[in-house]
Amino acid sequence: MKETLTASKRIYEGRVVTLDLVDVTLPDGNAAKREIVRHPGAVAVVPIDEDGNVILVSQYRTAADHVLIEIPAGTLNPGEDPVDCARRELQEEIGYIPRSLMPMGAFFAAPGYTTEQIHLFMATNLEYSPLPADHDEFIEVSRMPLRDALEQAQNGMLHDGKSIIGILRVARHLGL
């Protein structure tokens, strides 16, 4: 079932992603073209406070043309360990450092066209310690009981895939 790469041409190089047009040989010997968005990877964190609330962020997403409710997340810097990225993103986006950060697996965002893999964590025992926000992020922070967030993930009220996956995995881990 493996496709064999036979040629690759970089057609776009941006700040975060690159776009390659690649030629592959299919398992049956035929040729095909693929467009691959190369991404350095990311982290997403489900922060749970001492009262059992999930701390969420709301922000306008240009590609979706909506304000979305999401778990905190961010792009890995070159060579950055996902744990370090998760800690940084929590401080930048919600103002907390996790004393406990549990890996909850990883997943590909959209493997049909991008290399982006998202490393998921659950953060607990949060300590308030804010960092300055990124200059291009306008975020509102809110809290919601995990059970309510689980209900929203299950009934289609949340529209962000990483947030749905993260809330479902953490809720299952905690026995909800």
Protein backbone atom coordinates (compact mmCIF):
# COMPACT_ATOMS: atom_id res chain seq x y z
CA MET A 1 0.00 0.00 0.00
CA LYS A 2 3.01 2.34 0.21
CA GLU A 3 3.45 5.15 -2.28
CA THR A 4 6.99 5.86 -3.46
CA LEU A 5 8.12 9.47 -3.78
CA THR A 6 9.75 10.08 -7.16
CA ALA A 7 10.00 13.89 -7.29
CA SER A 8 9.27 16.91 -5.11
CA LYS A 9 9.04 20.61 -5.87
CA ARG A 10 8.63 23.31 -3.22
CA ILE A 11 6.04 25.76 -4.53
CA TYR A 12 5.49 27.89 -1.42
CA GLU A 13 7.47 28.67 1.72
CA GLY A 14 5.69 30.60 4.45
CA ARG A 15 6.31 31.57 8.05
CA VAL A 16 4.78 28.36 9.44
CA VAL A 17 4.12 26.01 6.53
CA THR A 18 5.58 25.03 3.19
CA LEU A 19 3.74 23.53 0.24
CA ASP A 20 5.33 20.81 -1.86
CA LEU A 21 4.01 19.31 -5.08
CA VAL A 22 5.19 15.72 -5.17
CA ASP A 23 5.10 12.91 -7.69
CA VAL A 24 4.54 9.40 -6.37
CA THR A 25 4.36 5.93 -7.76
CA LEU A 26 1.27 4.11 -6.51
CA PRO A 27 1.31 0.48 -5.33
CA ASP A 28 -0.09 -0.61 -8.72
CA GLY A 29 2.76 1.16 -10.56
CA ASN A 30 0.74 4.15 -11.79
CA ALA A 31 1.86 7.72 -11.14
CA ALA A 32 0.02 10.40 -9.17
CA LYS A 33 0.58 13.91 -7.84
CA ARG A 34 0.15 14.95 -4.22
CA GLU A 35 0.10 18.39 -2.61
CA ILE A 36 1.66 18.28 0.85
CA VAL A 37 1.52 21.08 3.39
CA ARG A 38 4.59 20.57 5.57
CA HIS A 39 4.08 21.75 9.15
CA PRO A 40 6.50 21.51 12.11
CA GLY A 41 3.86 20.00 14.39
CA ALA A 42 1.94 21.37 17.32
CA VAL A 43 0.71 20.76 20.83
CA ALA A 44 -2.77 21.00 22.31
CA VAL A 45 -3.46 21.01 26.03
CA VAL A 46 -6.58 20.30 28.08
CA PRO A 47 -5.97 22.32 31.26
CA ILE A 48 -8.10 21.25 34.22
CA ASP A 49 -8.30 23.62 37.20
CA GLU A 50 -8.73 22.66 40.87
CA ASP A 51 -12.54 22.82 40.50
CA GLY A 52 -12.66 20.42 37.55
CA ASN A 53 -13.13 23.11 34.93
CA VAL A 54 -11.49 23.06 31.53
CA ILE A 55 -9.81 26.37 30.72
CA LEU A 56 -10.66 27.29 27.14
CA VAL A 57 -9.74 30.05 24.74
CA SER A 58 -11.94 31.79 22.20
CA GLN A 59 -10.41 33.45 19.19
CA TYR A 60 -11.32 34.46 15.67
CA ARG A 61 -9.97 32.04 13.08
CA THR A 62 -9.64 33.63 9.65
CA ALA A 63 -9.69 30.33 7.74
CA ALA A 64 -12.96 29.29 9.45
CA ASP A 65 -14.34 32.87 9.47
CA HIS A 66 -15.65 32.28 12.99
CA VAL A 67 -14.74 32.76 16.62
CA LEU A 68 -13.98 29.25 17.85
CA ILE A 69 -13.83 27.87 21.38
CA GLU A 70 -10.66 25.79 21.69
CA ILE A 71 -8.25 24.21 24.10
CA PRO A 72 -4.91 26.06 24.28
CA ALA A 73 -2.53 25.03 21.50
CA GLY A 74 0.47 26.16 19.54
CA THR A 75 3.07 25.37 16.93
CA LEU A 76 6.35 23.68 17.82
CA ASN A 77 9.48 25.74 17.28
CA PRO A 78 12.30 23.97 15.36
CA GLY A 79 13.77 21.28 17.62
CA GLU A 80 11.41 22.11 20.50
CA ASP A 81 10.27 19.32 22.77
CA PRO A 82 6.44 19.06 22.83
CA VAL A 83 6.42 19.22 26.65
CA ASP A 84 8.29 22.54 26.59
CA CYS A 85 5.96 23.87 23.91
CA ALA A 86 2.90 22.84 25.93
CA ARG A 87 4.19 24.68 29.01
CA ARG A 88 4.98 27.80 26.98
CA GLU A 89 1.62 27.84 25.22
CA LEU A 90 -0.29 27.50 28.50
CA GLN A 91 1.58 30.45 29.96
CA GLU A 92 1.07 32.58 26.85
CA GLU A 93 -2.57 31.74 26.23
CA ILE A 94 -4.12 31.24 29.69
CA GLY A 95 -1.43 32.43 32.12
CA TYR A 96 -0.75 29.15 33.93
CA ILE A 97 2.15 26.72 34.38
CA PRO A 98 1.13 23.09 34.85
CA ARG A 99 2.77 21.24 37.74
CA SER A 100 1.50 18.06 36.11
CA LEU A 101 1.50 17.50 32.35
CA MET A 102 0.31 14.09 31.15
CA PRO A 103 0.75 12.98 27.53
CA MET A 104 -2.55 11.91 25.97
CA GLY A 105 -1.22 10.68 22.64
CA ALA A 106 -0.73 12.36 19.29
CA PHE A 107 -2.70 12.50 16.07
CA PHE A 108 -2.41 13.85 12.55
CA ALA A 109 -4.57 16.91 11.87
CA ALA A 110 -5.42 16.03 8.25
CA PRO A 111 -3.08 13.34 6.88
CA GLY A 112 -4.51 13.56 3.38
CA TYR A 113 -2.61 16.80 2.76
CA THR A 114 -0.53 17.89 5.76
CA THR A 115 2.31 16.49 7.88
CA GLU A 116 1.03 18.31 10.98
CA GLN A 117 1.02 16.04 14.01
CA ILE A 118 -0.53 17.37 17.21
CA HIS A 119 0.79 16.18 20.59
CA LEU A 120 -1.99 16.19 23.17
CA PHE A 121 -1.59 16.74 26.91
CA MET A 122 -3.72 17.04 30.03
CA ALA A 123 -2.50 19.74 32.43
CA THR A 124 -3.39 19.81 36.13
CA ASN A 125 -2.14 21.46 39.32
CA LEU A 126 -2.02 24.82 37.58
CA GLU A 127 0.01 27.71 38.95
CA TYR A 128 -0.76 31.26 37.83
CA SER A 129 2.29 32.65 35.99
CA PRO A 130 1.37 34.59 32.85
CA LEU A 131 3.65 35.38 29.94
CA PRO A 132 3.00 38.13 27.40
CA ALA A 133 0.63 36.98 24.67
CA ASP A 134 1.80 36.73 21.08
CA HIS A 135 1.41 40.09 19.32
CA ASP A 136 -1.01 38.67 16.74
CA GLU A 137 -3.30 36.73 19.09
CA PHE A 138 -6.47 38.17 20.57
CA ILE A 139 -7.79 35.58 23.00
CA GLU A 140 -10.60 35.44 25.54
CA VAL A 141 -10.16 32.89 28.33
CA SER A 142 -13.11 31.07 29.90
CA ARG A 143 -13.77 28.10 32.15
CA MET A 144 -16.30 25.35 31.73
CA PRO A 145 -16.97 22.22 33.78
CA LEU A 146 -15.38 19.23 32.04
CA ARG A 147 -18.78 17.50 31.88
CA ASP A 148 -20.23 20.50 30.01
CA ALA A 149 -17.26 20.59 27.63
CA LEU A 150 -17.72 16.86 27.03
CA GLU A 151 -21.40 17.44 26.25
CA GLN A 152 -20.49 20.21 23.79
CA ALA A 153 -17.85 18.00 22.14
CA GLN A 154 -20.38 15.20 21.74
CA ASN A 155 -23.32 17.25 20.50
CA GLY A 156 -21.54 19.30 17.84
CA MET A 157 -21.36 22.63 19.69
CA LEU A 158 -17.54 22.61 19.51
CA HIS A 159 -16.15 22.86 15.99
CA ASP A 160 -12.39 22.56 16.51
CA GLY A 161 -11.09 19.03 15.94
CA LYS A 162 -8.14 19.14 18.34
CA SER A 163 -10.41 20.42 21.11
CA ILE A 164 -13.01 17.72 20.50
CA ILE A 165 -10.34 14.99 20.50
CA GLY A 166 -8.62 16.43 23.57
CA ILE A 167 -11.80 16.78 25.64
CA LEU A 168 -13.00 13.29 24.66
CA ARG A 169 -9.65 11.67 25.51
CA VAL A 170 -9.30 13.47 28.84
CA ALA A 171 -12.91 12.78 29.83
CA ARG A 172 -12.45 9.08 29.02
CA HIS A 173 -9.16 9.02 30.96
CA LEU A 174 -10.92 10.55 33.98
CA GLY A 175 -13.80 8.08 33.73
CA LEU A 176 -16.52 10.43 32.51
